[in-house]
Amino acid sequence: MTSGVTVLSYLKATSVAHLTAEGLARVRPVIERLGRYEEFPAHVLAVEARGGPA
């Protein structure tokens, strides 16, 4: 059971994450692998555009 429609029903939640260059370097291989596997080339390009070692 749920309550009726309220103003909250029309709001969109947004998350923002911050990653240091070192943090990105640590997760970059996973991001690239998942992006290629799931066929999300923009995710791979986004992490590549941020530079640094692969």
Protein backbone atom coordinates (compact mmCIF):
# COMPACT_ATOMS: atom_id res chain seq x y z
CA MET A 1 0.00 0.00 0.00
CA THR A 2 1.19 3.51 -0.72
CA SER A 3 -0.04 6.99 0.01
CA GLY A 4 -1.57 9.31 -2.54
CA VAL A 5 0.20 11.60 -4.95
CA THR A 6 2.16 14.40 -3.28
CA VAL A 7 4.65 17.01 -4.42
CA LEU A 8 7.38 14.45 -3.66
CA SER A 9 5.96 12.23 -6.43
CA TYR A 10 7.23 14.76 -8.99
CA LEU A 11 10.72 15.33 -7.64
CA LYS A 12 13.77 13.69 -9.14
CA ALA A 13 16.61 12.59 -6.89
CA THR A 14 20.09 13.34 -8.20
CA SER A 15 23.40 12.03 -6.90
CA VAL A 16 26.75 13.75 -7.31
CA ALA A 17 30.02 11.96 -6.68
CA HIS A 18 33.52 13.39 -6.33
CA LEU A 19 36.59 11.36 -7.17
CA THR A 20 40.22 12.35 -6.77
CA ALA A 21 42.69 11.65 -9.57
CA GLU A 22 44.08 8.79 -7.48
CA GLY A 23 40.60 7.38 -6.89
CA LEU A 24 39.80 7.54 -10.60
CA ALA A 25 43.04 5.76 -11.44
CA ARG A 26 42.04 2.93 -9.08
CA VAL A 27 38.53 2.41 -10.54
CA ARG A 28 39.29 3.29 -14.16
CA PRO A 29 39.99 -0.30 -15.32
CA VAL A 30 36.64 -1.43 -13.90
CA ILE A 31 34.76 1.48 -15.49
CA GLU A 32 36.35 0.77 -18.86
CA ARG A 33 35.69 -2.98 -18.69
CA LEU A 34 32.06 -2.54 -17.66
CA GLY A 35 31.51 0.19 -20.24
CA ARG A 36 32.75 -2.04 -23.04
CA TYR A 37 30.86 -5.11 -21.76
CA GLU A 38 27.58 -3.22 -21.41
CA GLU A 39 28.19 -1.38 -24.70
CA PHE A 40 28.21 2.09 -23.13
CA PRO A 41 30.99 3.70 -25.15
CA ALA A 42 30.27 7.16 -23.69
CA HIS A 43 31.22 5.88 -20.22
CA VAL A 44 34.55 4.62 -21.56
CA LEU A 45 35.17 7.87 -23.45
CA ALA A 46 34.33 9.93 -20.36
CA VAL A 47 36.91 8.18 -18.22
CA GLU A 48 39.48 8.28 -21.03
CA ALA A 49 38.91 12.03 -21.47
CA ARG A 50 39.93 12.56 -17.86
CA GLY A 51 43.37 11.26 -18.74
CA GLY A 52 45.88 9.57 -16.53
CA PRO A 53 47.32 6.08 -16.71
CA ALA A 54 45.04 3.26 -17.78
